[in-house]
Amino acid sequence: MMFIIDNKFLITKKFPAWVRVRILNPNTLQPVPDGQKGIVAYYDLANWHSCLAILTEDLGIKHGESFELLGRIGGAESKGCSIAIDQLLSVNQ
């Protein structure tokens, strides 16, 4: 979902029922409370024969059942969805 608030884009992602997303403290890798910024980690509960979890280099803020994707951690290579987010943010700055 994308919202425009005060001329700024607020982009939130909602994930499928079988995927869990955790926003983790970058120093401890412990989950942060709703509304705080951290590293995005995905857990695919339906994937039983390969990688279950992916720790990204993306920053996000968890908002209940969705999360706001902020872009890549400083110095991280742009990949996947973050390329579009980084491009969108750079145009709107």
Foldseek 3Di string as FASTA:
>chain_A
DWDQDPNDIWDKDADDPQKDKFFAAPVPRHGDDAPDKHWIKIARNVDDPDDGMDTFQWMWGDDVRMITTPAGDPPDDDDDPRVVVVVVVVVSD
